[in-house]
Amino acid sequence: MEEGLLMKKEEKGRNDIKREVGWREIIAEMSWVAGPMVAVLVSQYLLQVVTLMMVGHLGALYLSSTALAVSLAAATGFSVLLGMASALETISGQSYGAQQYSKLGTQTYTAIFSLTLFSIPLCILWIYMGDILVFIGQDPCISHETGKFMIYLVPTLISYAVFQPLIRYFQSQTLIMPMLVSSCATLCLHIPICWALVFKSGLNNLGGAVAMGISNWLNAIFLALYMMFSSSCQPTRSPLSMEMFYGVAEFSRFAIPSAAMVCLEWWSFELVILLSGFLPNPELETSVLSVCLTTMQTLFEIPYGISAAASTKIANELGSGNPQAARIAARGVMVMGVANGLVVSSILFAVRRVFGYCFSKDKEVVDYVTTMAPLICVIVILDSTQAVLSGIARGCGWQHIGTYVNFGAYYLVGIPVAVALGFWMRMRGRGLWMGVMVGVLMQSVILCIITCFTNWEEEVRKARKRVAEESSRVSNGVYPTTGVGAGELIDDDVHLEG
């Protein structure tokens, strides 16, 4: 009897060690991906920040109009294409986990085709954006400069349609180094190009828009060449064929709610910038809130990099039928998100009196930014938490749920509170910012509850079924790369770890 109990205890101890090792391995793997991915995303976003910082030294009008143009470009173009491309985090991530490697190339081509087609009406919208701003009552001088800047940004939008799917192609198979080298090299080239075009070419702020287009196209070309010629992409590279058109419906099924999920959140912040144009002294309010938003979005790239690693890991594990690993990844990334928010907000609070000078020499702008710094710190913590939770949602394919959550959190709660505080309570920019803080808090709480009550075994079944159905439609039930049949995947859809 005692001997049997001793054996059971030893076996339990070995299982505990296995579980502990599993935790360590998974968290270490996500950290290895998240670190370079943060550098990739920060480098990409710094193209906008560097442009805004250089243009800001031309004067308050150039700063406010360029900041508004970049914000509107993000809201009406970049966020839409980024959100649609995020569908590949679900589709390609789960396909890669199920070892259907040849699907990734075709899915990437489908996304590039779909995004390029979708960008055409967005370009038309950008061309008339200056007239639209005047029509809705914005300051005519700011609106005119904003409209000109957005016309010069049209090539950048087209580059996004190519660039964002390529990013997801590499991300889904954790090929981070090509993206890191390309993004850092592009940023290093962007700084002198932007400086020359802004200060030496006579284009002034419009030179910043031209520089952004050149840099984004360089980044897209670098990644496309690596995909075409690198041996590491050989298993997932596929030739151009009619099959890319067959996948448009499947891609759209995830891309549309994915874009809505991203845009509903993004648009709420951009709406705050627009609302600031109706406050007294709109040039000051717009400049300050734009600086706050740019700072927050720059810092957001850190938790977004963590969430990208999480969505990739979770999608891969669900596709390969490992619910326990997906569960561990979700819990681990939530801890990482909260820790990141606390650390980054502490650093930002420590430098609150000086970071405003990065964007403007105007003391009134800098002093106003300093008073807003504590509110920015709070929203950094909340935004870091919701970023990683949104990454979990993308990995699982919950984009439609995220759409409902974001609509309720921001448009039924956050924006009404912002309007009440900013205009009715006369708190101006501070009130508008506090309103979106409430929206981020609501979003984080709801997504956290959904994640905590997730049945991961059921998520595995859904992922494996989706991969099997897609393969069955395209290749009559047999996967070209591995020879695994669709029925085989569904029958063997779940295997537990530990």
Protein backbone atom coordinates (compact mmCIF):
# COMPACT_ATOMS: atom_id res chain seq x y z
CA MET A 1 0.00 0.00 0.00
CA GLU A 2 2.72 2.46 1.04
CA GLU A 3 4.77 1.47 -1.98
CA GLY A 4 1.81 2.23 -4.28
CA LEU A 5 1.24 5.63 -2.66
CA LEU A 6 4.92 6.45 -3.02
CA MET A 7 4.83 5.59 -6.74
CA LYS A 8 1.74 7.77 -7.21
CA LYS A 9 3.48 10.68 -5.46
CA GLU A 10 6.57 10.26 -7.65
CA GLU A 11 4.39 10.15 -10.77
CA LYS A 12 2.51 13.27 -9.64
CA GLY A 13 5.85 15.01 -9.05
CA ARG A 14 7.03 14.14 -12.55
CA ASN A 15 3.77 15.47 -14.04
CA ASP A 16 4.15 18.71 -12.04
CA ILE A 17 7.68 19.12 -13.42
CA LYS A 18 6.37 18.55 -16.96
CA ARG A 19 3.69 21.18 -16.46
CA GLU A 20 6.24 23.62 -15.04
CA VAL A 21 8.59 23.00 -17.97
CA GLY A 22 5.66 23.51 -20.33
CA TRP A 23 4.97 26.90 -18.77
CA ARG A 24 8.61 27.92 -19.00
CA GLU A 25 9.02 26.74 -22.58
CA ILE A 26 5.89 28.46 -23.84
CA ILE A 27 6.55 31.78 -22.05
CA ALA A 28 10.19 31.71 -23.21
CA GLU A 29 9.08 31.05 -26.79
CA MET A 30 6.59 33.92 -26.74
CA SER A 31 9.18 36.23 -25.18
CA TRP A 32 11.70 35.31 -27.88
CA VAL A 33 9.15 36.27 -30.53
CA ALA A 34 7.68 39.27 -28.67
CA GLY A 35 11.00 41.09 -28.16
CA PRO A 36 11.98 41.37 -31.85
CA MET A 37 8.32 41.86 -32.82
CA VAL A 38 8.13 44.91 -30.56
CA ALA A 39 11.23 46.31 -32.27
CA VAL A 40 9.61 45.65 -35.68
CA LEU A 41 6.37 47.42 -34.81
CA VAL A 42 8.08 50.33 -33.06
CA SER A 43 10.36 50.83 -36.07
CA GLN A 44 7.35 50.84 -38.40
CA TYR A 45 5.39 53.31 -36.29
CA LEU A 46 8.41 55.57 -35.81
CA LEU A 47 8.17 56.42 -39.51
CA GLN A 48 5.05 58.44 -38.62
CA VAL A 49 6.50 59.77 -35.37
CA VAL A 50 9.75 60.97 -36.98
CA THR A 51 7.73 62.68 -39.71
CA LEU A 52 5.47 64.39 -37.16
CA MET A 53 8.42 65.48 -35.02
CA MET A 54 10.23 67.08 -37.97
CA VAL A 55 7.11 68.78 -39.33
CA GLY A 56 6.28 70.03 -35.83
CA HIS A 57 9.34 72.27 -35.89
CA LEU A 58 7.94 74.15 -38.89
CA GLY A 59 5.24 75.78 -36.74
CA ALA A 60 1.95 75.18 -34.88
CA LEU A 61 -0.20 75.18 -38.03
CA TYR A 62 1.97 72.58 -39.74
CA LEU A 63 2.03 70.47 -36.56
CA SER A 64 -1.74 70.53 -36.03
CA SER A 65 -2.62 69.94 -39.70
CA THR A 66 -0.06 67.15 -40.16
CA ALA A 67 -1.06 65.52 -36.88
CA LEU A 68 -4.70 65.64 -37.95
CA ALA A 69 -3.81 64.26 -41.40
CA VAL A 70 -1.82 61.36 -39.94
CA SER A 71 -4.62 60.63 -37.48
CA LEU A 72 -7.28 60.68 -40.20
CA ALA A 73 -5.08 58.58 -42.49
CA ALA A 74 -4.75 56.03 -39.71
CA ALA A 75 -8.48 56.07 -39.01
CA THR A 76 -9.78 55.94 -42.58
CA GLY A 77 -7.03 53.90 -44.26
CA PHE A 78 -4.18 52.38 -42.30
CA SER A 79 -6.41 50.95 -39.55
CA VAL A 80 -8.81 49.43 -42.10
CA LEU A 81 -6.07 47.64 -44.03
CA LEU A 82 -4.22 46.63 -40.86
CA GLY A 83 -7.45 45.22 -39.42
CA MET A 84 -8.26 43.28 -42.57
CA ALA A 85 -4.73 41.88 -42.74
CA SER A 86 -5.08 40.73 -39.12
CA ALA A 87 -7.44 38.03 -40.37
CA LEU A 88 -4.30 36.20 -41.51
CA GLU A 89 -3.26 35.88 -37.86
CA THR A 90 -6.20 33.49 -37.48
CA ILE A 91 -6.24 31.85 -40.92
CA SER A 92 -2.51 31.49 -41.60
CA GLY A 93 -1.58 30.93 -37.96
CA GLN A 94 -3.95 27.99 -37.59
CA SER A 95 -3.01 26.59 -41.02
CA TYR A 96 0.68 26.69 -40.08
CA GLY A 97 -0.07 24.95 -36.78
CA ALA A 98 -1.90 22.22 -38.72
CA GLN A 99 1.23 21.86 -40.94
CA GLN A 100 -0.59 23.05 -44.07
CA TYR A 101 2.41 25.12 -45.07
CA SER A 102 1.59 25.68 -48.74
CA LYS A 103 -1.60 27.50 -47.73
CA LEU A 104 0.33 30.48 -46.32
CA GLY A 105 1.61 31.77 -49.64
CA THR A 106 -1.79 31.55 -51.31
CA GLN A 107 -3.51 33.18 -48.33
CA THR A 108 -1.00 36.04 -48.47
CA TYR A 109 -1.63 36.62 -52.19
CA THR A 110 -5.39 36.58 -51.53
CA ALA A 111 -4.98 39.20 -48.82
CA ILE A 112 -2.80 41.46 -51.01
CA PHE A 113 -5.34 41.28 -53.84
CA SER A 114 -8.28 41.98 -51.51
CA LEU A 115 -6.58 44.87 -49.70
CA THR A 116 -5.39 46.51 -52.92
CA LEU A 117 -8.92 46.37 -54.32
CA PHE A 118 -10.36 47.76 -51.09
CA SER A 119 -7.84 50.63 -50.97
CA ILE A 120 -9.18 52.23 -54.19
CA PRO A 121 -12.30 53.84 -52.60
CA LEU A 122 -10.18 54.84 -49.60
CA CYS A 123 -7.82 56.75 -51.92
CA ILE A 124 -10.79 58.65 -53.38
CA LEU A 125 -11.92 59.54 -49.85
CA TRP A 126 -8.45 60.88 -49.02
CA ILE A 127 -8.36 63.08 -52.12
CA TYR A 128 -11.50 64.93 -50.96
CA MET A 129 -10.71 64.89 -47.23
CA GLY A 130 -9.89 68.63 -47.06
CA ASP A 131 -13.31 69.56 -48.47
CA ILE A 132 -15.01 67.11 -46.10
CA LEU A 133 -13.32 68.68 -43.06
CA VAL A 134 -14.45 72.17 -44.09
CA PHE A 135 -17.99 70.86 -44.68
CA ILE A 136 -18.26 69.43 -41.15
CA GLY A 137 -17.11 72.71 -39.62
CA GLN A 138 -13.39 72.24 -38.95
CA ASP A 139 -11.00 75.20 -39.06
CA PRO A 140 -10.51 76.10 -42.80
CA CYS A 141 -6.75 76.70 -42.55
CA ILE A 142 -6.09 73.42 -40.76
CA SER A 143 -8.50 71.58 -43.10
CA HIS A 144 -6.77 72.89 -46.23
CA GLU A 145 -3.30 71.82 -45.07
CA THR A 146 -4.64 68.48 -43.85
CA GLY A 147 -6.25 67.76 -47.23
CA LYS A 148 -3.02 68.49 -49.16
CA PHE A 149 -0.99 66.23 -46.86
CA MET A 150 -3.44 63.32 -47.28
CA ILE A 151 -3.32 63.56 -51.08
CA TYR A 152 0.46 63.12 -50.88
CA LEU A 153 -0.07 60.11 -48.56
CA VAL A 154 -2.01 58.09 -51.18
CA PRO A 155 1.09 56.08 -52.29
CA THR A 156 1.64 55.11 -48.65
CA LEU A 157 -1.86 53.65 -48.47
CA ILE A 158 -1.25 51.45 -51.52
CA SER A 159 2.00 50.21 -49.99
CA TYR A 160 0.06 49.17 -46.88
CA ALA A 161 -2.08 46.82 -48.98
CA VAL A 162 1.08 44.92 -49.90
CA PHE A 163 3.07 45.38 -46.72
CA GLN A 164 0.57 44.30 -44.04
CA PRO A 165 -0.20 40.82 -45.50
CA LEU A 166 3.56 40.22 -45.88
CA ILE A 167 4.03 41.05 -42.20
CA ARG A 168 1.38 38.44 -41.26
CA TYR A 169 3.00 35.90 -43.60
CA PHE A 170 6.29 36.11 -41.71
CA GLN A 171 4.61 36.47 -38.31
CA SER A 172 2.53 33.29 -38.71
CA GLN A 173 5.68 31.19 -39.05
CA THR A 174 7.68 33.25 -36.50
CA LEU A 175 10.20 34.45 -39.09
CA ILE A 176 10.90 37.62 -37.13
CA MET A 177 14.47 38.48 -38.17
CA PRO A 178 13.66 39.43 -41.80
CA MET A 179 11.01 41.86 -40.55
CA LEU A 180 13.37 43.24 -37.91
CA VAL A 181 16.23 43.88 -40.35
CA SER A 182 13.89 45.37 -42.97
CA SER A 183 12.07 47.67 -40.52
CA CYS A 184 15.22 48.95 -38.83
CA ALA A 185 16.96 49.54 -42.17
CA THR A 186 13.91 51.41 -43.48
CA LEU A 187 13.78 53.61 -40.37
CA CYS A 188 17.48 54.46 -40.73
CA LEU A 189 16.87 55.47 -44.35
CA HIS A 190 13.68 57.37 -43.50
CA ILE A 191 15.36 59.82 -41.13
CA PRO A 192 17.69 61.47 -43.70
CA ILE A 193 15.10 61.18 -46.49
CA CYS A 194 12.44 62.90 -44.36
CA TRP A 195 14.87 65.59 -43.18
CA ALA A 196 15.90 66.39 -46.73
CA LEU A 197 12.35 66.50 -48.07
CA VAL A 198 10.93 68.55 -45.16
CA PHE A 199 13.70 71.11 -44.66
CA LYS A 200 15.66 71.23 -47.94
CA SER A 201 13.30 70.43 -50.81
CA GLY A 202 10.85 73.32 -50.33
CA LEU A 203 7.95 70.88 -49.86
CA ASN A 204 7.78 71.67 -46.11
CA ASN A 205 5.23 69.38 -44.42
CA LEU A 206 4.32 67.70 -47.72
CA GLY A 207 7.87 66.38 -47.87
CA GLY A 208 7.03 64.29 -44.80
CA ALA A 209 4.18 62.61 -46.69
CA VAL A 210 6.44 61.84 -49.66
CA ALA A 211 9.09 60.42 -47.32
CA MET A 212 6.53 58.13 -45.65
CA GLY A 213 5.50 56.77 -49.06
CA ILE A 214 9.09 56.07 -50.11
CA SER A 215 9.95 54.36 -46.83
CA ASN A 216 6.86 52.16 -46.70
CA TRP A 217 7.38 50.98 -50.27
CA LEU A 218 11.03 50.17 -49.52
CA ASN A 219 9.92 48.06 -46.54
CA ALA A 220 7.34 46.19 -48.63
CA ILE A 221 9.84 45.54 -51.43
CA PHE A 222 12.48 44.21 -49.01
CA LEU A 223 10.02 41.71 -47.52
CA ALA A 224 8.65 40.64 -50.91
CA LEU A 225 12.17 39.93 -52.21
CA TYR A 226 12.98 37.89 -49.10
CA MET A 227 9.78 35.88 -49.52
CA MET A 228 10.57 35.21 -53.18
CA PHE A 229 14.21 34.17 -52.85
CA SER A 230 14.91 32.97 -49.29
CA SER A 231 15.22 29.23 -48.64
CA SER A 232 13.52 29.66 -45.24
CA CYS A 233 10.29 30.59 -47.08
CA GLN A 234 10.47 27.61 -49.44
CA PRO A 235 7.90 25.40 -47.59
CA THR A 236 5.31 28.19 -47.40
CA ARG A 237 5.97 29.84 -50.76
CA SER A 238 3.49 29.00 -53.50
CA PRO A 239 3.17 30.15 -57.12
CA LEU A 240 0.58 32.69 -58.21
CA SER A 241 -2.54 30.87 -59.39
CA MET A 242 -6.32 31.16 -59.63
CA GLU A 243 -6.50 29.58 -56.19
CA MET A 244 -5.84 33.01 -54.66
CA PHE A 245 -9.24 34.17 -55.94
CA TYR A 246 -11.02 31.12 -54.48
CA GLY A 247 -9.90 32.16 -50.99
CA VAL A 248 -11.39 35.67 -51.12
CA ALA A 249 -14.66 34.57 -49.47
CA GLU A 250 -12.86 32.73 -46.64
CA PHE A 251 -10.51 35.69 -46.11
CA SER A 252 -13.40 38.17 -46.10
CA ARG A 253 -15.26 36.11 -43.49
CA PHE A 254 -12.51 36.94 -41.00
CA ALA A 255 -11.21 40.20 -42.51
CA ILE A 256 -14.42 42.22 -42.26
CA PRO A 257 -15.05 41.63 -38.52
CA SER A 258 -11.30 41.89 -37.91
CA ALA A 259 -11.23 45.32 -39.55
CA ALA A 260 -14.34 46.36 -37.61
CA MET A 261 -12.74 45.23 -34.36
CA VAL A 262 -9.61 47.31 -34.98
CA CYS A 263 -11.36 50.32 -36.50
CA LEU A 264 -14.04 50.75 -33.85
CA GLU A 265 -11.33 51.18 -31.24
CA TRP A 266 -9.08 53.31 -33.45
CA TRP A 267 -11.93 55.54 -34.61
CA SER A 268 -12.92 56.37 -31.05
CA PHE A 269 -9.53 58.03 -30.46
CA GLU A 270 -9.64 59.80 -33.81
CA LEU A 271 -13.15 61.02 -33.01
CA VAL A 272 -11.74 62.62 -29.88
CA ILE A 273 -9.19 64.49 -32.05
CA LEU A 274 -12.01 65.71 -34.30
CA LEU A 275 -14.10 66.77 -31.30
CA SER A 276 -11.16 68.79 -29.98
CA GLY A 277 -11.52 70.95 -33.11
CA PHE A 278 -14.83 72.26 -31.72
CA LEU A 279 -13.29 73.35 -28.40
CA PRO A 280 -12.10 76.91 -27.69
CA ASN A 281 -8.57 77.42 -29.08
CA PRO A 282 -8.83 74.40 -31.41
CA GLU A 283 -5.23 74.71 -32.67
CA LEU A 284 -3.86 74.18 -29.14
CA GLU A 285 -6.34 71.44 -28.19
CA THR A 286 -5.82 69.51 -31.43
CA SER A 287 -2.03 69.75 -31.17
CA VAL A 288 -1.94 68.58 -27.54
CA LEU A 289 -4.37 65.69 -27.98
CA SER A 290 -2.54 64.64 -31.14
CA VAL A 291 0.74 64.57 -29.19
CA CYS A 292 -0.95 62.50 -26.47
CA LEU A 293 -2.40 60.10 -29.02
CA THR A 294 0.90 59.79 -30.89
CA THR A 295 2.72 59.06 -27.61
CA MET A 296 0.15 56.47 -26.59
CA GLN A 297 0.18 54.80 -30.01
CA THR A 298 3.98 54.67 -30.01
CA LEU A 299 4.01 52.99 -26.60
CA PHE A 300 1.13 50.75 -27.73
CA GLU A 301 3.51 49.07 -30.19
CA ILE A 302 5.17 47.30 -27.23
CA PRO A 303 2.08 45.42 -25.97
CA TYR A 304 0.96 44.99 -29.58
CA GLY A 305 4.22 43.17 -30.26
CA ILE A 306 3.49 40.93 -27.26
CA SER A 307 -0.05 40.37 -28.53
CA ALA A 308 1.30 39.49 -32.00
CA ALA A 309 3.47 36.81 -30.41
CA ALA A 310 0.49 35.57 -28.42
CA SER A 311 -1.89 35.45 -31.39
CA THR A 312 0.71 33.53 -33.41
CA LYS A 313 1.40 31.05 -30.61
CA ILE A 314 -2.26 30.52 -29.76
CA ALA A 315 -3.28 30.12 -33.43
CA ASN A 316 -0.43 27.66 -34.03
CA GLU A 317 -1.34 25.59 -30.95
CA LEU A 318 -5.04 25.55 -31.77
CA GLY A 319 -4.27 24.49 -35.33
CA SER A 320 -2.02 21.67 -34.10
CA GLY A 321 -4.58 20.53 -31.49
CA ASN A 322 -2.89 21.60 -28.23
CA PRO A 323 -5.48 23.27 -25.95
CA GLN A 324 -3.29 23.20 -22.85
CA ALA A 325 -0.47 25.08 -24.59
CA ALA A 326 -2.97 27.66 -25.91
CA ARG A 327 -4.36 28.10 -22.38
CA ILE A 328 -0.89 28.63 -20.91
CA ALA A 329 0.01 31.12 -23.65
CA ALA A 330 -3.17 33.13 -22.98
CA ARG A 331 -2.54 33.30 -19.23
CA GLY A 332 1.12 34.12 -19.63
CA VAL A 333 0.55 36.93 -22.10
CA MET A 334 -2.02 38.55 -19.81
CA VAL A 335 0.60 38.78 -17.06
CA MET A 336 3.15 40.14 -19.53
CA GLY A 337 0.69 42.80 -20.72
CA VAL A 338 -0.07 44.12 -17.24
CA ALA A 339 3.62 44.13 -16.28
CA ASN A 340 4.53 46.04 -19.43
CA GLY A 341 1.86 48.67 -18.76
CA LEU A 342 3.11 49.30 -15.22
CA VAL A 343 6.77 49.61 -16.26
CA VAL A 344 6.18 51.84 -19.30
CA SER A 345 3.74 54.15 -17.53
CA SER A 346 6.20 54.61 -14.66
CA ILE A 347 8.95 55.66 -17.09
CA LEU A 348 6.59 58.01 -18.91
CA PHE A 349 5.52 59.66 -15.67
CA ALA A 350 9.17 60.21 -14.72
CA VAL A 351 9.85 62.14 -17.97
CA ARG A 352 6.48 63.90 -18.14
CA ARG A 353 8.00 67.39 -18.04
CA VAL A 354 10.31 66.96 -21.03
CA PHE A 355 8.81 64.56 -23.60
CA GLY A 356 6.51 67.28 -24.98
CA TYR A 357 9.58 69.05 -26.42
CA CYS A 358 10.03 66.12 -28.83
CA PHE A 359 6.96 67.37 -30.72
CA SER A 360 6.94 71.14 -30.29
CA LYS A 361 8.99 74.13 -29.16
CA ASP A 362 5.82 75.99 -28.12
CA LYS A 363 5.87 76.25 -24.29
CA GLU A 364 2.08 76.40 -24.08
CA VAL A 365 1.82 73.06 -25.91
CA VAL A 366 4.56 71.49 -23.76
CA ASP A 367 3.00 72.67 -20.47
CA TYR A 368 -0.42 71.36 -21.52
CA VAL A 369 1.12 67.99 -22.44
CA THR A 370 2.75 67.86 -19.00
CA THR A 371 -0.61 68.25 -17.26
CA MET A 372 -2.03 65.47 -19.47
CA ALA A 373 0.83 63.06 -18.68
CA PRO A 374 -0.80 61.33 -15.63
CA LEU A 375 -3.89 60.57 -17.74
CA ILE A 376 -1.68 59.19 -20.52
CA CYS A 377 0.03 56.93 -17.95
CA VAL A 378 -3.28 55.48 -16.82
CA ILE A 379 -4.46 54.77 -20.34
CA VAL A 380 -1.09 53.14 -21.17
CA ILE A 381 -1.73 50.55 -18.44
CA LEU A 382 -5.28 49.89 -19.62
CA ASP A 383 -4.30 49.84 -23.29
CA SER A 384 -1.48 47.38 -22.64
CA THR A 385 -3.95 44.99 -21.03
CA GLN A 386 -6.55 45.23 -23.80
CA ALA A 387 -3.87 44.87 -26.49
CA VAL A 388 -2.80 41.42 -25.32
CA LEU A 389 -6.43 40.37 -24.79
CA SER A 390 -7.19 41.43 -28.38
CA GLY A 391 -4.21 39.33 -29.51
CA ILE A 392 -5.75 36.30 -27.82
CA ALA A 393 -9.02 37.06 -29.62
CA ARG A 394 -7.27 37.22 -33.01
CA GLY A 395 -5.47 33.94 -32.39
CA CYS A 396 -8.76 32.22 -31.58
CA GLY A 397 -10.75 33.86 -34.38
CA TRP A 398 -13.07 35.84 -32.08
CA GLN A 399 -13.07 38.93 -34.28
CA HIS A 400 -16.87 39.08 -34.42
CA ILE A 401 -17.05 39.01 -30.60
CA GLY A 402 -14.38 41.72 -30.40
CA THR A 403 -16.45 43.89 -32.74
CA TYR A 404 -19.44 43.83 -30.40
CA VAL A 405 -17.25 44.42 -27.34
CA ASN A 406 -15.48 47.42 -28.90
CA PHE A 407 -18.71 48.98 -30.14
CA GLY A 408 -20.32 48.75 -26.72
CA ALA A 409 -17.26 49.86 -24.76
CA TYR A 410 -16.39 52.90 -26.87
CA TYR A 411 -19.59 54.10 -28.54
CA LEU A 412 -22.19 53.28 -25.90
CA VAL A 413 -19.99 54.23 -22.95
CA GLY A 414 -16.65 55.91 -23.75
CA ILE A 415 -17.58 58.56 -26.32
CA PRO A 416 -20.76 59.74 -24.51
CA VAL A 417 -18.71 60.14 -21.32
CA ALA A 418 -16.02 62.02 -23.27
CA VAL A 419 -18.57 64.46 -24.74
CA ALA A 420 -20.18 65.01 -21.35
CA LEU A 421 -16.87 65.71 -19.61
CA GLY A 422 -15.29 67.72 -22.41
CA PHE A 423 -18.19 70.00 -23.33
CA TRP A 424 -20.91 69.82 -20.69
CA MET A 425 -18.49 69.73 -17.68
CA ARG A 426 -16.13 72.14 -19.54
CA MET A 427 -13.06 69.96 -18.91
CA ARG A 428 -11.97 70.42 -22.56
CA GLY A 429 -9.21 68.07 -23.76
CA ARG A 430 -8.83 66.41 -20.37
CA GLY A 431 -12.49 65.46 -20.33
CA LEU A 432 -12.34 64.01 -23.84
CA TRP A 433 -9.30 61.93 -22.91
CA MET A 434 -10.91 60.66 -19.69
CA GLY A 435 -13.94 59.51 -21.68
CA VAL A 436 -11.92 57.20 -23.93
CA MET A 437 -10.12 55.95 -20.81
CA VAL A 438 -13.46 54.68 -19.57
CA GLY A 439 -14.00 52.96 -22.92
CA VAL A 440 -10.63 51.18 -22.74
CA LEU A 441 -11.41 50.05 -19.19
CA MET A 442 -14.75 48.57 -20.27
CA GLN A 443 -13.13 46.80 -23.22
CA SER A 444 -10.40 45.29 -21.04
CA VAL A 445 -12.81 44.01 -18.41
CA ILE A 446 -15.17 42.34 -20.91
CA LEU A 447 -12.36 40.69 -22.94
CA CYS A 448 -10.75 39.47 -19.70
CA ILE A 449 -13.99 37.80 -18.60
CA ILE A 450 -14.40 36.13 -22.01
CA THR A 451 -10.82 34.83 -21.96
CA CYS A 452 -11.06 33.49 -18.40
CA PHE A 453 -14.17 31.43 -19.23
CA THR A 454 -12.90 30.05 -22.56
CA ASN A 455 -13.22 26.32 -23.29
CA TRP A 456 -9.89 25.72 -25.02
CA GLU A 457 -10.73 22.16 -26.09
CA GLU A 458 -13.72 23.55 -27.98
CA GLU A 459 -11.52 26.24 -29.57
CA VAL A 460 -9.20 23.50 -30.84
CA ARG A 461 -12.13 21.68 -32.44
CA LYS A 462 -13.26 24.88 -34.18
CA ALA A 463 -9.76 25.64 -35.47
CA ARG A 464 -9.13 22.13 -36.78
CA LYS A 465 -12.56 22.01 -38.39
CA ARG A 466 -11.94 25.31 -40.18
CA VAL A 467 -8.59 24.18 -41.54
CA ALA A 468 -10.09 20.85 -42.65
CA GLU A 469 -13.06 22.50 -44.38
CA GLU A 470 -10.81 24.96 -46.25
CA SER A 471 -8.54 22.16 -47.41
CA SER A 472 -11.51 20.04 -48.46
CA ARG A 473 -12.89 22.86 -50.60
CA VAL A 474 -9.60 23.56 -52.34
CA SER A 475 -7.99 20.13 -52.69
CA ASN A 476 -10.86 17.62 -52.41
CA GLY A 477 -9.96 16.54 -48.90
CA VAL A 478 -6.20 15.99 -49.31
CA TYR A 479 -3.56 18.46 -48.24
CA PRO A 480 -0.92 18.92 -50.91
CA THR A 481 2.00 19.45 -48.54
CA THR A 482 1.52 16.78 -45.88
CA GLY A 483 -0.95 14.39 -47.49
CA VAL A 484 -3.26 14.62 -44.45
CA GLY A 485 -6.93 14.30 -45.30
CA ALA A 486 -9.64 16.62 -44.01
CA GLY A 487 -11.45 13.81 -42.27
CA GLU A 488 -8.23 12.77 -40.58
CA LEU A 489 -7.86 16.20 -39.03
CA ILE A 490 -11.38 16.26 -37.63
CA ASP A 491 -11.12 12.77 -36.18
CA ASP A 492 -7.85 13.59 -34.44
CA ASP A 493 -8.65 17.14 -33.52
CA VAL A 494 -7.65 17.33 -29.87
CA HIS A 495 -4.76 15.97 -27.86
CA LEU A 496 -4.20 17.23 -24.32
CA GLU A 497 -0.82 18.18 -22.88
CA GLY A 498 0.23 17.31 -19.35
